[in-house]
Protein backbone atom coordinates (compact mmCIF):
# COMPACT_ATOMS: atom_id res chain seq x y z
CA MET A 1 -78.65 -103.65 55.89
CA PRO A 2 -74.99 -104.41 55.02
CA THR A 3 -74.21 -107.75 53.39
CA GLN A 4 -71.04 -109.75 53.72
CA MET A 5 -69.25 -110.91 50.56
CA ASN A 6 -67.82 -114.42 50.71
CA ASN A 7 -65.97 -114.54 47.40
CA LEU A 8 -62.88 -116.67 47.94
CA ASN A 9 -59.89 -116.00 45.72
CA PHE A 10 -56.61 -117.84 46.17
CA GLU A 11 -55.22 -116.82 42.77
CA GLY A 12 -51.42 -117.05 42.70
CA GLN A 13 -51.23 -118.76 46.09
CA ASN A 14 -49.83 -122.26 46.56
CA ILE A 15 -51.94 -124.85 48.35
CA TYR A 16 -50.23 -128.09 49.37
CA ALA A 17 -52.03 -131.36 50.06
CA GLY A 18 -50.40 -134.31 51.81
CA PHE A 19 -52.06 -137.72 51.56
CA ASP A 20 -51.95 -140.84 53.70
CA VAL A 21 -53.83 -143.24 51.44
CA HIS A 22 -55.61 -146.34 52.72
CA LEU A 23 -58.12 -148.61 51.05
CA LYS A 24 -61.13 -147.35 53.02
CA ASP A 25 -60.20 -143.69 53.53
CA TRP A 26 -57.60 -140.98 53.06
CA LYS A 27 -56.02 -138.76 55.69
CA VAL A 28 -55.46 -135.36 54.06
CA THR A 29 -53.65 -132.28 55.34
CA ILE A 30 -53.95 -128.97 53.49
CA LEU A 31 -51.27 -126.29 53.92
CA SER A 32 -50.58 -122.83 52.58
CA GLU A 33 -47.19 -121.11 52.43
CA GLU A 34 -47.62 -119.90 56.01
CA MET A 35 -49.74 -122.40 57.94
CA MET A 36 -51.67 -125.63 58.14
CA LEU A 37 -55.21 -124.93 56.95
CA LYS A 38 -57.04 -128.18 57.58
CA SER A 39 -56.53 -131.85 58.36
CA PHE A 40 -59.34 -134.35 57.77
CA THR A 41 -60.34 -137.86 56.73
CA MET A 42 -62.27 -138.38 53.51
CA PRO A 43 -63.55 -141.19 51.28
CA PRO A 44 -60.97 -142.46 48.77
CA LYS A 45 -62.37 -140.58 45.76
CA PRO A 46 -60.11 -138.15 43.87
CA GLU A 47 -63.13 -136.45 42.28
CA VAL A 48 -64.48 -135.54 45.71
CA PHE A 49 -61.09 -134.12 46.68
CA SER A 50 -60.73 -132.01 43.53
CA ASP A 51 -64.26 -130.64 44.09
CA TYR A 52 -63.24 -129.78 47.66
CA LEU A 53 -60.16 -127.87 46.47
CA LEU A 54 -62.07 -125.95 43.81
CA ARG A 55 -64.84 -125.01 46.23
CA ASN A 56 -62.62 -124.01 49.18
CA TYR A 57 -59.44 -122.74 47.49
CA PRO A 58 -60.50 -121.41 44.06
CA GLY A 59 -57.77 -120.11 41.75
CA ALA A 60 -54.89 -121.56 43.78
CA ASN A 61 -51.93 -123.50 42.45
CA TYR A 62 -52.42 -127.00 43.85
CA HIS A 63 -49.52 -129.26 44.87
CA SER A 64 -49.58 -132.72 46.40
CA ALA A 65 -47.25 -135.11 48.18
CA TYR A 66 -47.51 -138.77 48.98
CA GLU A 67 -45.16 -141.55 49.92
CA ALA A 68 -44.16 -143.57 46.85
CA GLY A 69 -46.59 -146.33 46.06
CA TYR A 70 -49.05 -147.79 43.60
CA PHE A 71 -52.24 -146.19 44.92
CA TYR A 72 -51.15 -142.60 44.26
CA LEU A 73 -51.05 -142.83 40.44
CA PRO A 74 -54.85 -142.94 39.90
CA ILE A 75 -55.23 -140.03 42.31
CA VAL A 76 -52.71 -137.91 40.39
CA GLN A 77 -54.24 -138.79 37.03
CA THR A 78 -57.70 -137.69 38.19
CA LEU A 79 -56.40 -134.48 39.79
CA PHE A 80 -54.54 -133.58 36.57
CA GLN A 81 -57.75 -134.07 34.60
CA THR A 82 -59.96 -132.02 36.93
CA LEU A 83 -57.68 -129.23 38.21
CA SER A 84 -56.06 -126.85 35.73
CA ASN A 85 -53.48 -125.59 38.26
CA PHE A 86 -52.33 -128.97 39.60
CA CYS A 87 -48.66 -129.86 40.11
CA TYR A 88 -47.12 -132.72 42.05
């Protein structure tokens, strides 16, 4: 019986994340170079988001964007600590 391999590899690809940050949740949109991949709402926890990126887009170069404001700094600090390929 044939088996299907589900090894994801985004090595060398750029993944972009846009944030709309609120106190109770974040609206996140994930894009590649060619298309929008996913848009969703999540709890405001940068650790959960970095786990999501590593699980769904392993090996990618991660980039983020957010409107200027106070709440983004802790997010960026956590993403820098948990993702080796993170740029903003």
